Protein backbone atom coordinates (compact mmCIF):
# COMPACT_ATOMS: atom_id res chain seq x y z
CA MET A 1 -68.33 65.83 369.81
CA LEU A 2 -70.54 65.79 366.75
CA SER A 3 -70.72 68.80 364.49
CA ALA A 4 -74.06 70.59 364.09
CA TYR A 5 -74.84 68.61 360.93
CA PRO A 6 -72.79 65.41 360.90
CA ASP A 7 -72.35 63.71 357.54
CA ALA A 8 -71.99 60.00 356.89
CA THR A 9 -68.20 60.12 357.22
CA GLU A 10 -68.36 61.78 360.62
CA LEU A 11 -71.00 59.33 361.86
CA LYS A 12 -68.85 56.39 360.73
CA GLU A 13 -65.87 57.81 362.60
CA VAL A 14 -67.83 58.29 365.82
CA ALA A 15 -69.46 54.87 365.43
CA GLN A 16 -66.04 53.24 365.74
CA ASN A 17 -66.06 54.25 369.42
CA PHE A 18 -69.42 52.58 370.08
CA LEU A 19 -69.47 49.40 367.99
CA ASP A 20 -70.96 47.26 370.78
CA LEU A 21 -73.66 49.77 371.68
CA GLU A 22 -77.22 48.57 371.05
CA ILE A 23 -79.68 50.84 369.23
CA THR A 24 -83.33 49.97 369.85
CA ARG A 25 -86.45 50.25 367.76
CA ASP A 26 -87.85 52.70 370.31
CA GLU A 27 -84.76 54.90 369.99
CA SER A 28 -85.20 54.96 366.23
CA ILE A 29 -88.76 56.19 366.64
CA ALA A 30 -87.74 58.69 369.35
CA ALA A 31 -85.12 60.01 366.91
CA GLY A 32 -87.89 60.88 364.47
CA ASN A 33 -87.97 57.83 362.22
CA CYS A 34 -91.46 56.51 361.50
CA ALA A 35 -92.52 53.24 363.12
CA SER A 36 -93.45 51.57 359.84
CA GLY A 37 -90.14 52.48 358.19
CA THR A 38 -88.18 51.32 361.23
CA ASP A 39 -90.10 48.04 361.28
CA GLU A 40 -89.59 47.48 357.54
CA PHE A 41 -85.85 48.10 357.89
CA LEU A 42 -85.56 45.75 360.87
CA GLU A 43 -87.60 43.07 359.10
CA GLU A 44 -85.66 43.28 355.86
CA TYR A 45 -82.13 43.41 357.28
CA PHE A 46 -82.29 42.13 360.86
CA GLN A 47 -85.02 39.46 361.01
CA LYS A 48 -87.37 41.73 363.00
CA ARG A 49 -84.96 42.18 365.91
CA THR A 50 -85.84 45.08 368.19
CA SER A 51 -82.25 46.18 368.78
CA VAL A 52 -79.12 46.21 366.64
CA LYS A 53 -75.49 46.92 367.49
CA VAL A 54 -73.88 50.00 366.01
CA SER A 55 -71.33 47.72 364.34
CA ALA A 56 -74.15 46.15 362.31
CA LEU A 57 -75.55 49.55 361.28
CA VAL A 58 -72.31 51.12 360.04
CA SER A 59 -72.62 49.61 356.56
CA TYR A 60 -76.07 51.22 356.15
CA ILE A 61 -75.01 54.78 357.03
CA ASP A 62 -74.33 55.83 353.43
CA HIS A 63 -77.66 54.73 352.00
CA TYR A 64 -80.21 55.06 354.79
CA GLN A 65 -81.11 58.44 356.24
CA GLY A 66 -83.00 56.70 359.05
CA VAL A 67 -79.80 55.00 360.19
CA ARG A 68 -77.96 58.33 360.16
CA THR A 69 -80.84 59.91 362.09
CA VAL A 70 -80.90 57.33 364.88
CA LEU A 71 -77.11 57.24 365.20
CA GLU A 72 -76.93 61.01 365.50
CA TYR A 73 -79.72 60.90 368.09
CA LYS A 74 -77.96 58.23 370.14
CA PHE A 75 -74.51 59.83 369.90
CA ARG A 76 -75.92 63.17 371.05
CA GLN A 77 -77.58 61.43 374.01
CA LEU A 78 -74.23 59.93 374.95
CA GLU A 79 -72.55 63.34 374.66
CA GLN A 80 -75.17 64.86 376.93
CA GLN A 81 -74.77 62.08 379.50
CA ALA A 82 -70.99 62.50 379.49
CA GLU A 83 -71.36 66.25 379.91
CA GLU A 84 -73.77 65.84 382.83
CA LYS A 85 -71.43 63.34 384.46
CA SER A 86 -68.45 65.68 384.14
CA GLU A 87 -70.44 68.45 385.84
CA GLU A 88 -71.02 66.32 388.95
């Protein structure tokens, strides 16, 4: 489970459990990143792809707040889904 304010180190540790998970452009925007910044990042580093595996994002965690933001968003979604499943 993520702490209330996960730092880069914590996000990297959690990311190791989800390396094959795809993060989409839409998830980045839903996480609070702006569309233009998301698009610029995807264009510069990922040839305009609309989804990227967590394994490809790990190296950007230290220097890109937007990457940290979307990873935290996605990991919290996964936590919530696991919690809901365990309550069934």
